[in-house]
C-alpha atoms as a PDB file:
ATOM      1  CA  MET A   1     -92.737 154.953  39.383  1.00  0.00           C
ATOM      2  CA  ARG A   2     -89.295 156.231  38.282  1.00  0.00           C
ATOM      3  CA  PHE A   3     -87.767 154.824  41.477  1.00  0.00           C
ATOM      4  CA  ILE A   4     -89.267 151.397  40.875  1.00  0.00           C
ATOM      5  CA  VAL A   5     -88.020 151.315  37.273  1.00  0.00           C
ATOM      6  CA  THR A   6     -84.558 152.383  38.355  1.00  0.00           C
ATOM      7  CA  PHE A   7     -84.562 149.689  41.059  1.00  0.00           C
ATOM      8  CA  LEU A   8     -85.541 147.014  38.552  1.00  0.00           C
ATOM      9  CA  VAL A   9     -82.822 148.074  36.137  1.00  0.00           C
ATOM     10  CA  MET A  10     -80.240 147.989  38.956  1.00  0.00           C
ATOM     11  CA  MET A  11     -81.355 144.499  39.931  1.00  0.00           C
ATOM     12  CA  ALA A  12     -80.830 143.325  36.301  1.00  0.00           C
ATOM     13  CA  VAL A  13     -77.313 144.708  36.094  1.00  0.00           C
ATOM     14  CA  GLY A  14     -74.441 142.887  37.743  1.00  0.00           C
ATOM     15  CA  PRO A  15     -71.184 144.206  39.161  1.00  0.00           C
ATOM     16  CA  LEU A  16     -69.278 146.768  37.097  1.00  0.00           C
ATOM     17  CA  GLY A  17     -72.205 147.237  34.717  1.00  0.00           C
ATOM     18  CA  ALA A  18     -72.161 143.684  33.371  1.00  0.00           C
ATOM     19  CA  VAL A  19     -75.611 142.755  32.156  1.00  0.00           C
ATOM     20  CA  ALA A  20     -77.235 139.765  33.844  1.00  0.00           C
ATOM     21  CA  GLN A  21     -77.610 136.766  31.542  1.00  0.00           C
ATOM     22  CA  ASP A  22     -80.914 135.446  32.749  1.00  0.00           C
ATOM     23  CA  THR A  23     -83.392 138.234  31.962  1.00  0.00           C
ATOM     24  CA  PRO A  24     -83.094 141.041  29.377  1.00  0.00           C
ATOM     25  CA  LEU A  25     -83.334 144.594  30.579  1.00  0.00           C
ATOM     26  CA  ILE A  26     -86.759 146.149  30.166  1.00  0.00           C
ATOM     27  CA  GLY A  27     -86.620 149.620  28.537  1.00  0.00           C
ATOM     28  CA  SER A  28     -87.548 152.424  30.831  1.00  0.00           C
ATOM     29  CA  GLU A  29     -90.124 155.057  29.978  1.00  0.00           C
ATOM     30  CA  ALA A  30     -87.572 157.719  30.842  1.00  0.00           C
ATOM     31  CA  GLN A  31     -85.472 156.520  27.933  1.00  0.00           C
ATOM     32  CA  GLY A  32     -88.346 156.621  25.534  1.00  0.00           C
ATOM     33  CA  GLN A  33     -88.810 152.850  25.354  1.00  0.00           C
ATOM     34  CA  GLU A  34     -92.165 151.156  25.712  1.00  0.00           C
ATOM     35  CA  GLN A  35     -92.571 148.631  28.430  1.00  0.00           C
ATOM     36  CA  ALA A  36     -92.458 144.926  27.633  1.00  0.00           C
ATOM     37  CA  THR A  37     -95.345 142.671  28.531  1.00  0.00           C
ATOM     38  CA  ASP A  38     -95.255 139.357  30.400  1.00  0.00           C
ATOM     39  CA  LEU A  39     -96.987 136.101  29.736  1.00  0.00           C
ATOM     40  CA  ILE A  40     -98.060 133.482  32.302  1.00  0.00           C
ATOM     41  CA  ALA A  41     -97.405 129.881  31.316  1.00  0.00           C
ATOM     42  CA  PRO A  42    -100.372 128.980  29.099  1.00  0.00           C
ATOM     43  CA  ALA A  43    -102.146 125.706  28.647  1.00  0.00           C
ATOM     44  CA  LEU A  44    -101.009 123.410  25.879  1.00  0.00           C
ATOM     45  CA  ASN A  45    -102.982 122.716  22.659  1.00  0.00           C
ATOM     46  CA  ASP A  46    -105.502 125.487  23.153  1.00  0.00           C
ATOM     47  CA  GLY A  47    -105.103 126.821  19.584  1.00  0.00           C
ATOM     48  CA  VAL A  48    -103.639 130.152  20.695  1.00  0.00           C
ATOM     49  CA  GLN A  49    -100.579 131.422  18.838  1.00  0.00           C
ATOM     50  CA  ARG A  50     -98.052 132.764  21.334  1.00  0.00           C
ATOM     51  CA  VAL A  51     -95.360 134.999  19.868  1.00  0.00           C
ATOM     52  CA  LEU A  52     -92.163 135.988  21.604  1.00  0.00           C
ATOM     53  CA  VAL A  53     -90.357 139.144  20.383  1.00  0.00           C
ATOM     54  CA  ILE A  54     -86.676 139.357  21.260  1.00  0.00           C
ATOM     55  CA  GLY A  55     -83.849 141.760  20.376  1.00  0.00           C
ATOM     56  CA  ASP A  56     -82.615 145.280  21.148  1.00  0.00           C
ATOM     57  CA  SER A  57     -84.494 148.489  21.897  1.00  0.00           C
ATOM     58  CA  MET A  58     -86.208 148.500  18.463  1.00  0.00           C
ATOM     59  CA  ALA A  59     -87.562 145.030  19.196  1.00  0.00           C
ATOM     60  CA  GLY A  60     -88.962 146.389  22.405  1.00  0.00           C
ATOM     61  CA  GLY A  61     -90.945 149.022  20.564  1.00  0.00           C
ATOM     62  CA  LEU A  62     -92.074 146.522  17.952  1.00  0.00           C
ATOM     63  CA  GLY A  63     -93.293 144.121  20.652  1.00  0.00           C
ATOM     64  CA  ALA A  64     -95.318 146.873  22.278  1.00  0.00           C
ATOM     65  CA  GLY A  65     -96.873 147.754  18.911  1.00  0.00           C
ATOM     66  CA  MET A  66     -97.707 144.125  18.256  1.00  0.00           C
ATOM     67  CA  VAL A  67     -99.417 143.878  21.661  1.00  0.00           C
ATOM     68  CA  ARG A  68    -101.586 146.897  20.887  1.00  0.00           C
ATOM     69  CA  VAL A  69    -102.566 145.634  17.438  1.00  0.00           C
ATOM     70  CA  ALA A  70    -103.293 142.111  18.722  1.00  0.00           C
ATOM     71  CA  ALA A  71    -105.374 143.408  21.670  1.00  0.00           C
ATOM     72  CA  GLY A  72    -108.805 141.847  21.677  1.00  0.00           C
ATOM     73  CA  ASP A  73    -107.770 138.913  19.473  1.00  0.00           C
ATOM     74  CA  SER A  74    -107.971 135.832  21.670  1.00  0.00           C
ATOM     75  CA  ASN A  75    -106.143 133.727  19.105  1.00  0.00           C
ATOM     76  CA  ILE A  76    -102.796 135.453  19.491  1.00  0.00           C
ATOM     77  CA  GLN A  77    -100.700 136.586  22.417  1.00  0.00           C
ATOM     78  CA  VAL A  78     -97.487 138.592  22.209  1.00  0.00           C
ATOM     79  CA  VAL A  79     -94.737 139.022  24.796  1.00  0.00           C
ATOM     80  CA  SER A  80     -91.608 141.133  24.408  1.00  0.00           C
ATOM     81  CA  ARG A  81     -88.157 140.456  25.921  1.00  0.00           C
ATOM     82  CA  PHE A  82     -85.477 142.895  24.884  1.00  0.00           C
ATOM     83  CA  ASN A  83     -82.173 144.317  25.973  1.00  0.00           C
ATOM     84  CA  GLU A  84     -81.533 147.873  24.816  1.00  0.00           C
ATOM     85  CA  SER A  85     -77.809 147.516  24.418  1.00  0.00           C
ATOM     86  CA  SER A  86     -77.669 143.950  23.126  1.00  0.00           C
ATOM     87  CA  GLY A  87     -76.659 142.700  19.705  1.00  0.00           C
ATOM     88  CA  ILE A  88     -74.943 139.886  17.934  1.00  0.00           C
ATOM     89  CA  THR A  89     -71.454 141.313  17.923  1.00  0.00           C
ATOM     90  CA  ARG A  90     -70.960 141.338  21.686  1.00  0.00           C
ATOM     91  CA  PRO A  91     -72.161 138.159  23.375  1.00  0.00           C
ATOM     92  CA  ASP A  92     -69.719 139.186  26.173  1.00  0.00           C
ATOM     93  CA  VAL A  93     -72.138 142.063  26.939  1.00  0.00           C
ATOM     94  CA  TYR A  94     -75.358 140.017  26.503  1.00  0.00           C
ATOM     95  CA  ASP A  95     -75.449 136.459  25.271  1.00  0.00           C
ATOM     96  CA  TRP A  96     -78.746 135.797  23.563  1.00  0.00           C
ATOM     97  CA  ALA A  97     -77.826 132.174  22.864  1.00  0.00           C
ATOM     98  CA  ALA A  98     -77.514 131.593  26.621  1.00  0.00           C
ATOM     99  CA  ALA A  99     -80.596 133.687  27.522  1.00  0.00           C
ATOM    100  CA  ILE A 100     -83.194 132.335  25.116  1.00  0.00           C
ATOM    101  CA  PRO A 101     -83.752 128.883  26.749  1.00  0.00           C
ATOM    102  CA  LYS A 102     -84.307 130.589  30.098  1.00  0.00           C
ATOM    103  CA  ILE A 103     -86.713 133.147  28.593  1.00  0.00           C
ATOM    104  CA  MET A 104     -88.793 130.451  26.815  1.00  0.00           C
ATOM    105  CA  GLU A 105     -88.816 127.877  29.583  1.00  0.00           C
ATOM    106  CA  GLY A 106     -92.357 126.822  30.477  1.00  0.00           C
ATOM    107  CA  LYS A 107     -93.993 129.488  28.284  1.00  0.00           C
ATOM    108  CA  ASN A 108     -95.081 127.233  25.361  1.00  0.00           C
ATOM    109  CA  PHE A 109     -94.348 129.825  22.651  1.00  0.00           C
ATOM    110  CA  THR A 110     -95.303 128.873  19.095  1.00  0.00           C
ATOM    111  CA  ALA A 111     -93.294 131.525  17.263  1.00  0.00           C
ATOM    112  CA  VAL A 112     -90.322 133.857  17.898  1.00  0.00           C
ATOM    113  CA  VAL A 113     -89.784 137.197  16.191  1.00  0.00           C
ATOM    114  CA  VAL A 114     -86.140 138.386  16.145  1.00  0.00           C
ATOM    115  CA  LEU A 115     -85.234 142.034  15.483  1.00  0.00           C
ATOM    116  CA  ILE A 116     -81.607 142.820  16.409  1.00  0.00           C
ATOM    117  CA  GLY A 117     -78.731 144.687  14.853  1.00  0.00           C
ATOM    118  CA  LEU A 118     -78.887 148.403  15.879  1.00  0.00           C
ATOM    119  CA  ASN A 119     -75.791 147.971  18.002  1.00  0.00           C
ATOM    120  CA  ASP A 120     -73.905 145.643  15.696  1.00  0.00           C
ATOM    121  CA  ARG A 121     -71.920 148.298  13.867  1.00  0.00           C
ATOM    122  CA  GLN A 122     -68.946 147.850  16.187  1.00  0.00           C
ATOM    123  CA  ASP A 123     -65.836 145.707  16.557  1.00  0.00           C
ATOM    124  CA  ILE A 124     -66.029 142.093  17.737  1.00  0.00           C
ATOM    125  CA  ARG A 125     -63.717 141.271  20.642  1.00  0.00           C
ATOM    126  CA  THR A 126     -62.322 137.774  20.976  1.00  0.00           C
ATOM    127  CA  ALA A 127     -59.951 136.344  23.503  1.00  0.00           C
ATOM    128  CA  SER A 128     -56.965 137.054  21.221  1.00  0.00           C
ATOM    129  CA  ALA A 129     -58.048 139.859  18.843  1.00  0.00           C
ATOM    130  CA  ARG A 130     -60.250 142.789  18.082  1.00  0.00           C
ATOM    131  CA  LEU A 131     -62.013 142.470  14.741  1.00  0.00           C
ATOM    132  CA  THR A 132     -62.833 145.643  12.832  1.00  0.00           C
ATOM    133  CA  PHE A 133     -66.387 146.077  11.672  1.00  0.00           C
ATOM    134  CA  ASN A 134     -67.113 144.685   8.171  1.00  0.00           C
ATOM    135  CA  THR A 135     -63.667 143.231   7.586  1.00  0.00           C
ATOM    136  CA  PRO A 136     -63.542 139.626   6.306  1.00  0.00           C
ATOM    137  CA  GLU A 137     -62.516 138.435   9.783  1.00  0.00           C
ATOM    138  CA  TRP A 138     -65.394 140.350  11.380  1.00  0.00           C
ATOM    139  CA  ILE A 139     -67.885 138.958   8.876  1.00  0.00           C
ATOM    140  CA  ALA A 140     -66.848 135.402   9.589  1.00  0.00           C
ATOM    141  CA  ALA A 141     -67.130 135.906  13.373  1.00  0.00           C
ATOM    142  CA  TYR A 142     -70.446 137.729  13.040  1.00  0.00           C
ATOM    143  CA  GLN A 143     -71.973 134.908  10.915  1.00  0.00           C
ATOM    144  CA  ALA A 144     -70.825 132.432  13.520  1.00  0.00           C
ATOM    145  CA  ASN A 145     -72.573 134.420  16.234  1.00  0.00           C
ATOM    146  CA  VAL A 146     -75.806 134.568  14.222  1.00  0.00           C
ATOM    147  CA  ALA A 147     -75.605 130.840  13.594  1.00  0.00           C
ATOM    148  CA  ALA A 148     -75.217 130.188  17.323  1.00  0.00           C
ATOM    149  CA  VAL A 149     -78.380 132.100  18.129  1.00  0.00           C
ATOM    150  CA  MET A 150     -80.246 130.290  15.325  1.00  0.00           C
ATOM    151  CA  ASP A 151     -79.177 126.916  16.565  1.00  0.00           C
ATOM    152  CA  VAL A 152     -80.621 127.750  19.985  1.00  0.00           C
ATOM    153  CA  LEU A 153     -83.877 128.991  18.490  1.00  0.00           C
ATOM    154  CA  LYS A 154     -84.288 125.980  16.285  1.00  0.00           C
ATOM    155  CA  ALA A 155     -83.790 123.709  19.266  1.00  0.00           C
ATOM    156  CA  GLN A 156     -86.846 125.285  20.918  1.00  0.00           C
ATOM    157  CA  ASN A 157     -89.045 123.725  18.218  1.00  0.00           C
ATOM    158  CA  VAL A 158     -90.802 126.984  17.337  1.00  0.00           C
ATOM    159  CA  LYS A 159     -91.293 128.887  14.070  1.00  0.00           C
ATOM    160  CA  VAL A 160     -88.667 131.659  13.785  1.00  0.00           C
ATOM    161  CA  PHE A 161     -89.318 134.970  12.007  1.00  0.00           C
ATOM    162  CA  TRP A 162     -86.037 136.946  11.740  1.00  0.00           C
ATOM    163  CA  LEU A 163     -86.598 140.516  10.584  1.00  0.00           C
ATOM    164  CA  SER A 164     -84.339 142.748   8.593  1.00  0.00           C
ATOM    165  CA  GLU A 165     -83.477 146.181   9.969  1.00  0.00           C
ATOM    166  CA  PRO A 166     -85.904 148.819   8.721  1.00  0.00           C
ATOM    167  CA  PRO A 167     -84.680 151.785   6.705  1.00  0.00           C
ATOM    168  CA  MET A 168     -82.598 154.378   8.566  1.00  0.00           C
ATOM    169  CA  GLY A 169     -82.554 158.101   8.099  1.00  0.00           C
ATOM    170  CA  ASP A 170     -78.781 158.451   7.829  1.00  0.00           C
ATOM    171  CA  ALA A 171     -77.446 157.079   4.519  1.00  0.00           C
ATOM    172  CA  VAL A 172     -74.163 155.726   5.942  1.00  0.00           C
ATOM    173  CA  TYR A 173     -75.854 154.018   8.857  1.00  0.00           C
ATOM    174  CA  ASP A 174     -78.545 152.701   6.555  1.00  0.00           C
ATOM    175  CA  ALA A 175     -75.916 151.140   4.345  1.00  0.00           C
ATOM    176  CA  ASP A 176     -74.244 149.493   7.325  1.00  0.00           C
ATOM    177  CA  MET A 177     -77.587 148.125   8.496  1.00  0.00           C
ATOM    178  CA  LYS A 178     -78.204 146.689   5.030  1.00  0.00           C
ATOM    179  CA  SER A 179     -74.812 144.832   5.319  1.00  0.00           C
ATOM    180  CA  VAL A 180     -75.706 143.563   8.779  1.00  0.00           C
ATOM    181  CA  SER A 181     -79.147 142.387   7.589  1.00  0.00           C
ATOM    182  CA  ALA A 182     -77.624 140.581   4.536  1.00  0.00           C
ATOM    183  CA  LEU A 183     -75.235 138.662   6.841  1.00  0.00           C
ATOM    184  CA  GLN A 184     -78.112 137.713   9.150  1.00  0.00           C
ATOM    185  CA  ARG A 185     -80.266 136.593   6.192  1.00  0.00           C
ATOM    186  CA  ALA A 186     -77.631 134.234   4.877  1.00  0.00           C
ATOM    187  CA  GLN A 187     -77.452 132.410   8.214  1.00  0.00           C
ATOM    188  CA  VAL A 188     -81.213 132.479   8.915  1.00  0.00           C
ATOM    189  CA  GLU A 189     -82.148 130.950   5.588  1.00  0.00           C
ATOM    190  CA  ALA A 190     -79.301 128.442   5.804  1.00  0.00           C
ATOM    191  CA  LYS A 191     -80.847 127.218   9.092  1.00  0.00           C
ATOM    192  CA  GLY A 192     -84.276 126.872   7.521  1.00  0.00           C
ATOM    193  CA  ALA A 193     -85.929 129.767   9.390  1.00  0.00           C
ATOM    194  CA  ILE A 194     -88.142 132.525   7.921  1.00  0.00           C
ATOM    195  CA  TYR A 195     -86.434 135.806   6.988  1.00  0.00           C
ATOM    196  CA  VAL A 196     -88.767 138.810   6.599  1.00  0.00           C
ATOM    197  CA  ASP A 197     -87.509 141.844   4.638  1.00  0.00           C
ATOM    198  CA  THR A 198     -89.274 144.767   6.353  1.00  0.00           C
ATOM    199  CA  ARG A 199     -87.837 147.560   4.140  1.00  0.00           C
ATOM    200  CA  PRO A 200     -90.492 147.650   1.416  1.00  0.00           C
ATOM    201  CA  ALA A 201     -93.355 148.136   3.926  1.00  0.00           C
ATOM    202  CA  LEU A 202     -91.499 150.803   5.853  1.00  0.00           C
ATOM    203  CA  SER A 203     -90.201 152.868   2.933  1.00  0.00           C
ATOM    204  CA  ASN A 204     -91.721 155.506   0.638  1.00  0.00           C
ATOM    205  CA  PRO A 205     -92.979 154.254  -2.724  1.00  0.00           C
ATOM    206  CA  ASP A 206     -89.614 155.245  -4.305  1.00  0.00           C
ATOM    207  CA  GLY A 207     -87.708 153.205  -1.680  1.00  0.00           C
ATOM    208  CA  SER A 208     -86.501 156.205   0.311  1.00  0.00           C
ATOM    209  CA  TYR A 209     -86.613 156.561   4.092  1.00  0.00           C
ATOM    210  CA  MET A 210     -90.142 157.140   5.391  1.00  0.00           C
ATOM    211  CA  ASP A 211     -90.781 159.053   8.626  1.00  0.00           C
ATOM    212  CA  PHE A 212     -94.381 160.133   7.812  1.00  0.00           C
ATOM    213  CA  GLY A 213     -97.115 157.858   6.510  1.00  0.00           C
ATOM    214  CA  PRO A 214    -100.284 155.908   7.290  1.00  0.00           C
ATOM    215  CA  ASP A 215    -100.337 154.328  10.747  1.00  0.00           C
ATOM    216  CA  ASP A 216    -102.075 151.032  11.621  1.00  0.00           C
ATOM    217  CA  THR A 217    -105.467 152.808  11.311  1.00  0.00           C
ATOM    218  CA  GLY A 218    -104.639 154.382   7.925  1.00  0.00           C
ATOM    219  CA  GLU A 219    -104.329 157.873   9.362  1.00  0.00           C
ATOM    220  CA  MET A 220    -101.325 159.867   8.165  1.00  0.00           C
ATOM    221  CA  LYS A 221     -98.982 160.449  11.061  1.00  0.00           C
ATOM    222  CA  LYS A 222     -95.327 160.947  12.087  1.00  0.00           C
ATOM    223  CA  LEU A 223     -93.871 157.436  12.407  1.00  0.00           C
ATOM    224  CA  ARG A 224     -90.221 157.941  13.329  1.00  0.00           C
ATOM    225  CA  GLN A 225     -88.343 160.225  15.652  1.00  0.00           C
ATOM    226  CA  ARG A 226     -85.986 162.917  14.498  1.00  0.00           C
ATOM    227  CA  ASP A 227     -82.974 160.663  15.119  1.00  0.00           C
ATOM    228  CA  GLY A 228     -83.871 158.713  11.912  1.00  0.00           C
ATOM    229  CA  VAL A 229     -83.844 155.435  13.854  1.00  0.00           C
ATOM    230  CA  THR A 230     -86.450 155.238  16.665  1.00  0.00           C
ATOM    231  CA  PHE A 231     -90.129 154.593  15.976  1.00  0.00           C
ATOM    232  CA  LEU A 232     -92.764 156.639  17.683  1.00  0.00           C
ATOM    233  CA  LYS A 233     -95.740 154.879  19.312  1.00  0.00           C
ATOM    234  CA  GLN A 234     -97.845 155.128  16.197  1.00  0.00           C
ATOM    235  CA  GLY A 235     -94.853 153.903  14.140  1.00  0.00           C
ATOM    236  CA  ASN A 236     -94.462 150.856  16.385  1.00  0.00           C
ATOM    237  CA  SER A 237     -98.138 150.078  16.007  1.00  0.00           C
ATOM    238  CA  LYS A 238     -97.750 150.182  12.249  1.00  0.00           C
ATOM    239  CA  PHE A 239     -94.629 148.048  12.429  1.00  0.00           C
ATOM    240  CA  GLY A 240     -96.506 145.608  14.643  1.00  0.00           C
ATOM    241  CA  GLN A 241     -99.406 145.390  12.210  1.00  0.00           C
ATOM    242  CA  ILE A 242     -97.028 144.631   9.354  1.00  0.00           C
ATOM    243  CA  ILE A 243     -95.253 141.850  11.269  1.00  0.00           C
ATOM    244  CA  LEU A 244     -98.493 140.269  12.526  1.00  0.00           C
ATOM    245  CA  ALA A 245     -99.656 140.192   8.863  1.00  0.00           C
ATOM    246  CA  ALA A 246     -96.385 138.569   7.881  1.00  0.00           C
ATOM    247  CA  ILE A 247     -96.781 135.927  10.570  1.00  0.00           C
ATOM    248  CA  SER A 248    -100.301 135.175   9.439  1.00  0.00           C
ATOM    249  CA  ALA A 249     -99.067 134.860   5.832  1.00  0.00           C
ATOM    250  CA  GLY A 250     -96.279 132.539   6.946  1.00  0.00           C
ATOM    251  CA  GLY A 251     -93.556 135.142   6.234  1.00  0.00           C
ATOM    252  CA  GLN A 252     -93.524 134.359   2.542  1.00  0.00           C
ATOM    253  CA  GLY A 253     -91.365 136.908   0.650  1.00  0.00           C
ATOM    254  CA  ASN A 254     -91.065 140.609   1.398  1.00  0.00           C
ATOM    255  CA  VAL A 255     -93.838 142.097   3.393  1.00  0.00           C
ATOM    256  CA  ALA A 256     -95.932 144.504   1.356  1.00  0.00           C
ATOM    257  CA  PRO A 257     -96.789 148.045   2.426  1.00  0.00           C
ATOM    258  CA  VAL A 258    -100.022 148.363   4.304  1.00  0.00           C
ATOM    259  CA  VAL A 259    -102.128 150.644   2.121  1.00  0.00           C
ATOM    260  CA  PRO A 260    -105.169 152.062   3.884  1.00  0.00           C
ATOM    261  CA  ALA A 261    -108.512 151.706   2.085  1.00  0.00           C
ATOM    262  CA  ILE A 262    -109.866 155.021   0.829  1.00  0.00           C
ATOM    263  CA  GLU A 263    -113.578 155.468   1.680  1.00  0.00           C
ATOM    264  CA  VAL A 264    -115.468 156.986  -1.217  1.00  0.00           C
ATOM    265  CA  PRO A 265    -118.512 158.939   0.021  1.00  0.00           C
ATOM    266  CA  THR A 266    -121.838 157.825  -1.291  1.00  0.00           C
ATOM    267  CA  ALA A 267    -124.465 160.095  -2.799  1.00  0.00           C
ATOM    268  CA  ASP A 268    -126.376 160.115   0.521  1.00  0.00           C
ATOM    269  CA  ALA A 269    -123.281 161.461   2.292  1.00  0.00           C
ATOM    270  CA  GLY A 270    -123.114 164.559   0.143  1.00  0.00           C
ATOM    271  CA  GLY A 271    -120.224 165.841  -1.917  1.00  0.00           C
ATOM    272  CA  PRO A 272    -116.667 166.439  -0.894  1.00  0.00           C
ATOM    273  CA  VAL A 273    -115.606 168.770   1.896  1.00  0.00           C
ATOM    274  CA  PHE A 274    -113.908 171.842   0.534  1.00  0.00           C
ATOM    275  CA  GLY A 275    -112.491 172.994   3.865  1.00  0.00           C
ATOM    276  CA  GLN A 276    -115.414 175.132   5.028  1.00  0.00           C
ATOM    277  CA  VAL A 277    -116.806 174.784   8.531  1.00  0.00           C
ATOM    278  CA  ASP A 278    -120.034 176.073   9.970  1.00  0.00           C
ATOM    279  CA  SER A 279    -120.384 178.178  13.150  1.00  0.00           C
ATOM    280  CA  ASN A 280    -120.126 174.978  15.275  1.00  0.00           C
ATOM    281  CA  GLY A 281    -116.932 173.912  13.663  1.00  0.00           C
ATOM    282  CA  ALA A 282    -118.549 171.062  11.677  1.00  0.00           C
ATOM    283  CA  PRO A 283    -117.434 170.556   8.076  1.00  0.00           C
ATOM    284  CA  VAL A 284    -119.800 171.790   5.399  1.00  0.00           C
ATOM    285  CA  LEU A 285    -120.685 169.258   2.763  1.00  0.00           C
ATOM    286  CA  HIS A 286    -121.615 170.216  -0.810  1.00  0.00           C
ATOM    287  CA  ASP A 287    -124.224 168.064  -2.464  1.00  0.00           C
ATOM    288  CA  ALA A 288    -123.388 167.620  -6.134  1.00  0.00           C
ATOM    289  CA  GLY A 289    -127.023 167.460  -7.193  1.00  0.00           C
ATOM    290  CA  THR A 290    -127.845 170.755  -5.474  1.00  0.00           C
ATOM    291  CA  VAL A 291    -124.859 172.451  -7.074  1.00  0.00           C
ATOM    292  CA  ILE A 292    -125.771 171.197 -10.561  1.00  0.00           C
ATOM    293  CA  ALA A 293    -129.475 172.191 -10.105  1.00  0.00           C
ATOM    294  CA  SER A 294    -128.575 175.663  -8.973  1.00  0.00           C
ATOM    295  CA  ALA A 295    -126.202 176.083 -11.903  1.00  0.00           C
ATOM    296  CA  THR A 296    -128.782 175.056 -14.469  1.00  0.00           C
ATOM    297  CA  SER A 297    -131.530 177.164 -12.987  1.00  0.00           C
ATOM    298  CA  ALA A 298    -129.479 180.333 -12.699  1.00  0.00           C
ATOM    299  CA  PRO A 299    -130.484 183.190 -14.996  1.00  0.00           C
ATOM    300  CA  PRO A 300    -128.461 183.422 -18.222  1.00  0.00           C
ATOM    301  CA  VAL A 301    -125.478 185.730 -18.225  1.00  0.00           C
ATOM    302  CA  GLU A 302    -125.708 188.538 -20.696  1.00  0.00           C
ATOM    303  CA  ALA A 303    -123.214 188.534 -23.548  1.00  0.00           C
ATOM    304  CA  GLU A 304    -119.895 190.023 -22.612  1.00  0.00           C
ATOM    305  CA  VAL A 305    -119.506 193.643 -23.628  1.00  0.00           C
ATOM    306  CA  ASN A 306    -116.088 194.607 -24.782  1.00  0.00           C
ATOM    307  CA  LEU A 307    -115.556 197.980 -23.214  1.00  0.00           C
ATOM    308  CA  PRO A 308    -112.878 200.045 -25.008  1.00  0.00           C
ATOM    309  CA  LEU A 309    -109.945 201.313 -23.162  1.00  0.00           C
ATOM    310  CA  SER A 310    -109.650 205.006 -22.679  1.00  0.00           C
ATOM    311  CA  ALA A 311    -109.586 206.769 -26.004  1.00  0.00           C
ATOM    312  CA  ALA A 312    -107.144 209.238 -24.647  1.00  0.00           C
ATOM    313  CA  PRO A 313    -103.760 208.797 -26.392  1.00  0.00           C
ATOM    314  CA  GLY A 314    -100.992 207.537 -24.178  1.00  0.00           C
ATOM    315  CA  LEU A 315     -98.459 204.793 -23.536  1.00  0.00           C
ATOM    316  CA  ALA A 316    -100.945 202.387 -21.839  1.00  0.00           C
ATOM    317  CA  ASN A 317    -103.587 202.835 -24.526  1.00  0.00           C
ATOM    318  CA  THR A 318    -101.081 202.158 -27.322  1.00  0.00           C
ATOM    319  CA  LEU A 319     -99.506 199.222 -25.533  1.00  0.00           C
ATOM    320  CA  PHE A 320    -102.748 197.379 -24.712  1.00  0.00           C
ATOM    321  CA  THR A 321    -104.611 198.024 -27.936  1.00  0.00           C
ATOM    322  CA  THR A 322    -101.943 197.753 -30.622  1.00  0.00           C
ATOM    323  CA  GLY A 323     -99.134 195.998 -28.694  1.00  0.00           C
ATOM    324  CA  ALA A 324     -96.658 198.731 -29.599  1.00  0.00           C
ATOM    325  CA  ALA A 325     -94.781 200.590 -26.909  1.00  0.00           C
ATOM    326  CA  ASN A 326     -94.397 204.288 -27.233  1.00  0.00           C
ATOM    327  CA  VAL A 327     -90.932 205.772 -27.543  1.00  0.00           C
ATOM    328  CA  ALA A 328     -89.630 206.744 -24.167  1.00  0.00           C
ATOM    329  CA  PRO A 329     -89.175 210.463 -23.600  1.00  0.00           C
ATOM    330  CA  ALA A 330     -85.600 211.648 -23.978  1.00  0.00           C
ATOM    331  CA  GLY A 331     -83.587 211.375 -20.848  1.00  0.00           C
ATOM    332  CA  ARG A 332     -85.760 208.815 -19.094  1.00  0.00           C
ATOM    333  CA  PHE A 333     -84.071 205.691 -17.706  1.00  0.00           C
ATOM    334  CA  ASP A 334     -85.529 203.508 -20.512  1.00  0.00           C
ATOM    335  CA  ASP A 335     -84.472 205.873 -23.264  1.00  0.00           C
ATOM    336  CA  PHE A 336     -81.872 203.910 -25.182  1.00  0.00           C
ATOM    337  CA  SER A 337     -81.657 206.342 -28.096  1.00  0.00           C
ATOM    338  CA  TYR A 338     -78.952 208.385 -26.457  1.00  0.00           C
ATOM    339  CA  VAL A 339     -75.595 208.323 -28.255  1.00  0.00           C
ATOM    340  CA  ALA A 340     -72.545 209.690 -26.505  1.00  0.00           C
ATOM    341  CA  PRO A 341     -70.875 212.482 -28.462  1.00  0.00           C
ATOM    342  CA  VAL A 342     -67.526 211.863 -30.078  1.00  0.00           C
ATOM    343  CA  ALA A 343     -64.759 213.901 -28.516  1.00  0.00           C
ATOM    344  CA  ALA A 344     -63.053 216.337 -30.924  1.00  0.00           C
ATOM    345  CA  ASN A 345     -59.386 215.726 -31.701  1.00  0.00           C
END
């Protein structure tokens, strides 16, 4: 299997490591990326929504998550096409504006989801200059590159959902990704496409980076890898669930966090589980009615009897009955009555 994946990657890469412009690289399992799915040319006007996900390695994971969440729903099909090292800054490495028409040819997609930017925190190289990241010259060139991709997407006559970068674990990298997303948003909205802010749904309630939370089933799980960037499989499924919901809602506004419903046990199900298990390892339920009945039928407790402390005189007896501490014996460490003698002249 590893040999086949390596062979396919080699076939997609041209001489001297230049990436082929016709088909994006498919992330290999050895690199921790989930495999993209393919889609055979469908029939027209069958009412099925066909979504293409394009972008970098994060888009590959998102696409795989969307496929899992959409599995079993005959009304939606998802296909992922991504290039792990691609971005907007370096069309000389991979040119999405040139690749998109070839990817979409004959596939009859109805919507495109774009998630790209992980690799965009780098200089832009032109024929005559090298533009430093986030300088005014870089910003102008970057916006032009985004606009070029948007023009190609709009020409495909499909609905475009361009996603913001999710929160990142490193504060500096996160700030840079916010800047990149803001530049993308300006061009996407100027071209009349739908921009989806993913940050609220993928952050903690206080807006901080979230690496642990409810997955697409509502179960609390680890969602991101330790690098503070990559989503784990369950994180991609949650991400996919969020984006599919945004597509269904037409991408209006920021996507809201997916809050799992909390199932409240009924009276027939017994009371809460307090952590006990029986000999078979099954949780032990406590029925509230039984607990209340046993409490009301229990024999009355006799009045409390105040038993005196030991009548024998001593430090403990004095301390706990009157609250007064006895004077420490002379010479003990807590004897503070000692006064040093005054030396004679």
